[in-house]
Amino acid sequence: MEVGLFSLLFSSFVHLFLSSRRELCMYIYIYIW
């Protein structure tokens, strides 16, 4: 049960990281430009 909970938390974290990285790259690109 802990492993399933951990994998669920990890997958949600990865999803959040990928979606936030998209905006982060956009902000960095605008900041550099």
PDB file of N, CA and C in Angstrom:
ATOM      1  N   MET A   1       0.837  -1.196   0.000  1.00  0.00           N
ATOM      2  CA  MET A   1       0.000   0.000   0.000  1.00  0.00           C
ATOM      3  C   MET A   1       0.877   1.254   0.000  1.00  0.00           C
ATOM      4  N   GLU A   2       1.950   1.239   0.777  1.00  0.00           N
ATOM      5  CA  GLU A   2       2.838   2.407   0.819  1.00  0.00           C
ATOM      6  C   GLU A   2       3.502   2.624  -0.543  1.00  0.00           C
ATOM      7  N   VAL A   3       3.864   1.517  -1.197  1.00  0.00           N
ATOM      8  CA  VAL A   3       4.524   1.622  -2.500  1.00  0.00           C
ATOM      9  C   VAL A   3       3.578   2.255  -3.516  1.00  0.00           C
ATOM     10  N   GLY A   4       2.297   1.857  -3.488  1.00  0.00           N
ATOM     11  CA  GLY A   4       1.306   2.421  -4.409  1.00  0.00           C
ATOM     12  C   GLY A   4       1.108   3.899  -4.142  1.00  0.00           C
ATOM     13  N   LEU A   5       1.055   4.256  -2.863  1.00  0.00           N
ATOM     14  CA  LEU A   5       0.875   5.658  -2.484  1.00  0.00           C
ATOM     15  C   LEU A   5       2.088   6.475  -2.918  1.00  0.00           C
ATOM     16  N   PHE A   6       3.268   5.903  -2.734  1.00  0.00           N
ATOM     17  CA  PHE A   6       4.500   6.590  -3.112  1.00  0.00           C
ATOM     18  C   PHE A   6       4.574   6.793  -4.623  1.00  0.00           C
ATOM     19  N   SER A   7       4.194   5.759  -5.394  1.00  0.00           N
ATOM     20  CA  SER A   7       4.237   5.865  -6.855  1.00  0.00           C
ATOM     21  C   SER A   7       3.221   6.889  -7.349  1.00  0.00           C
ATOM     22  N   LEU A   8       2.061   6.953  -6.679  1.00  0.00           N
ATOM     23  CA  LEU A   8       1.030   7.922  -7.047  1.00  0.00           C
ATOM     24  C   LEU A   8       1.533   9.338  -6.783  1.00  0.00           C
ATOM     25  N   LEU A   9       2.153   9.528  -5.622  1.00  0.00           N
ATOM     26  CA  LEU A   9       2.703  10.831  -5.255  1.00  0.00           C
ATOM     27  C   LEU A   9       3.823  11.222  -6.216  1.00  0.00           C
ATOM     28  N   PHE A  10       4.662  10.256  -6.556  1.00  0.00           N
ATOM     29  CA  PHE A  10       5.781  10.504  -7.461  1.00  0.00           C
ATOM     30  C   PHE A  10       5.296  10.883  -8.854  1.00  0.00           C
ATOM     31  N   SER A  11       4.273  10.160  -9.350  1.00  0.00           N
ATOM     32  CA  SER A  11       3.741  10.439 -10.688  1.00  0.00           C
ATOM     33  C   SER A  11       3.094  11.817 -10.740  1.00  0.00           C
ATOM     34  N   SER A  12       2.391  12.184  -9.653  1.00  0.00           N
ATOM     35  CA  SER A  12       1.746  13.502  -9.606  1.00  0.00           C
ATOM     36  C   SER A  12       2.819  14.594  -9.533  1.00  0.00           C
ATOM     37  N   PHE A  13       3.905  14.319  -8.817  1.00  0.00           N
ATOM     38  CA  PHE A  13       5.008  15.275  -8.702  1.00  0.00           C
ATOM     39  C   PHE A  13       5.685  15.471 -10.055  1.00  0.00           C
ATOM     40  N   VAL A  14       5.889  14.368 -10.782  1.00  0.00           N
ATOM     41  CA  VAL A  14       6.512  14.435 -12.108  1.00  0.00           C
ATOM     42  C   VAL A  14       5.619  15.230 -13.056  1.00  0.00           C
ATOM     43  N   HIS A  15       4.302  14.977 -12.990  1.00  0.00           N
ATOM     44  CA  HIS A  15       3.349  15.690 -13.846  1.00  0.00           C
ATOM     45  C   HIS A  15       3.393  17.185 -13.544  1.00  0.00           C
ATOM     46  N   LEU A  16       3.428  17.526 -12.259  1.00  0.00           N
ATOM     47  CA  LEU A  16       3.475  18.925 -11.839  1.00  0.00           C
ATOM     48  C   LEU A  16       4.787  19.561 -12.286  1.00  0.00           C
ATOM     49  N   PHE A  17       5.887  18.802 -12.156  1.00  0.00           N
ATOM     50  CA  PHE A  17       7.198  19.308 -12.545  1.00  0.00           C
ATOM     51  C   PHE A  17       7.256  19.590 -14.044  1.00  0.00           C
ATOM     52  N   LEU A  18       6.708  18.658 -14.850  1.00  0.00           N
ATOM     53  CA  LEU A  18       6.725  18.834 -16.298  1.00  0.00           C
ATOM     54  C   LEU A  18       5.873  20.021 -16.716  1.00  0.00           C
ATOM     55  N   SER A  19       4.688  20.153 -16.123  1.00  0.00           N
ATOM     56  CA  SER A  19       3.799  21.258 -16.492  1.00  0.00           C
ATOM     57  C   SER A  19       4.369  22.597 -16.030  1.00  0.00           C
ATOM     58  N   SER A  20       5.036  22.603 -14.874  1.00  0.00           N
ATOM     59  CA  SER A  20       5.604  23.852 -14.362  1.00  0.00           C
ATOM     60  C   SER A  20       6.898  24.186 -15.114  1.00  0.00           C
ATOM     61  N   ARG A  21       7.616  23.146 -15.548  1.00  0.00           N
ATOM     62  CA  ARG A  21       8.850  23.373 -16.289  1.00  0.00           C
ATOM     63  C   ARG A  21       8.537  24.063 -17.615  1.00  0.00           C
ATOM     64  N   ARG A  22       7.397  23.744 -18.195  1.00  0.00           N
ATOM     65  CA  ARG A  22       6.994  24.363 -19.449  1.00  0.00           C
ATOM     66  C   ARG A  22       6.851  25.874 -19.264  1.00  0.00           C
ATOM     67  N   GLU A  23       6.178  26.286 -18.194  1.00  0.00           N
ATOM     68  CA  GLU A  23       6.004  27.712 -17.908  1.00  0.00           C
ATOM     69  C   GLU A  23       7.339  28.329 -17.500  1.00  0.00           C
ATOM     70  N   LEU A  24       8.137  27.563 -16.755  1.00  0.00           N
ATOM     71  CA  LEU A  24       9.433  28.055 -16.286  1.00  0.00           C
ATOM     72  C   LEU A  24      10.350  28.345 -17.472  1.00  0.00           C
ATOM     73  N   CYS A  25      10.369  27.448 -18.458  1.00  0.00           N
ATOM     74  CA  CYS A  25      11.197  27.657 -19.648  1.00  0.00           C
ATOM     75  C   CYS A  25      10.730  28.896 -20.391  1.00  0.00           C
ATOM     76  N   MET A  26       9.409  29.108 -20.419  1.00  0.00           N
ATOM     77  CA  MET A  26       8.861  30.272 -21.098  1.00  0.00           C
ATOM     78  C   MET A  26       9.302  31.547 -20.390  1.00  0.00           C
ATOM     79  N   TYR A  27       9.243  31.533 -19.056  1.00  0.00           N
ATOM     80  CA  TYR A  27       9.666  32.705 -18.280  1.00  0.00           C
ATOM     81  C   TYR A  27      11.158  32.970 -18.466  1.00  0.00           C
ATOM     82  N   ILE A  28      11.960  31.914 -18.463  1.00  0.00           N
ATOM     83  CA  ILE A  28      13.412  32.063 -18.640  1.00  0.00           C
ATOM     84  C   ILE A  28      13.713  32.617 -20.031  1.00  0.00           C
ATOM     85  N   TYR A  29      12.983  32.102 -21.037  1.00  0.00           N
ATOM     86  CA  TYR A  29      13.190  32.558 -22.410  1.00  0.00           C
ATOM     87  C   TYR A  29      12.855  34.043 -22.532  1.00  0.00           C
ATOM     88  N   ILE A  30      11.734  34.457 -21.930  1.00  0.00           N
ATOM     89  CA  ILE A  30      11.319  35.868 -21.963  1.00  0.00           C
ATOM     90  C   ILE A  30      12.327  36.723 -21.196  1.00  0.00           C
ATOM     91  N   TYR A  31      12.808  36.197 -20.057  1.00  0.00           N
ATOM     92  CA  TYR A  31      13.756  36.956 -19.237  1.00  0.00           C
ATOM     93  C   TYR A  31      15.080  37.164 -19.976  1.00  0.00           C
ATOM     94  N   ILE A  32      15.559  36.117 -20.653  1.00  0.00           N
ATOM     95  CA  ILE A  32      16.821  36.212 -21.394  1.00  0.00           C
ATOM     96  C   ILE A  32      16.650  37.125 -22.604  1.00  0.00           C
ATOM     97  N   TRP A  33      15.506  37.004 -23.277  1.00  0.00           N
ATOM     98  CA  TRP A  33      15.256  37.794 -24.469  1.00  0.00           C
ATOM     99  C   TRP A  33      15.057  39.256 -24.099  1.00  0.00           C
TER     100      TRP A  33
END
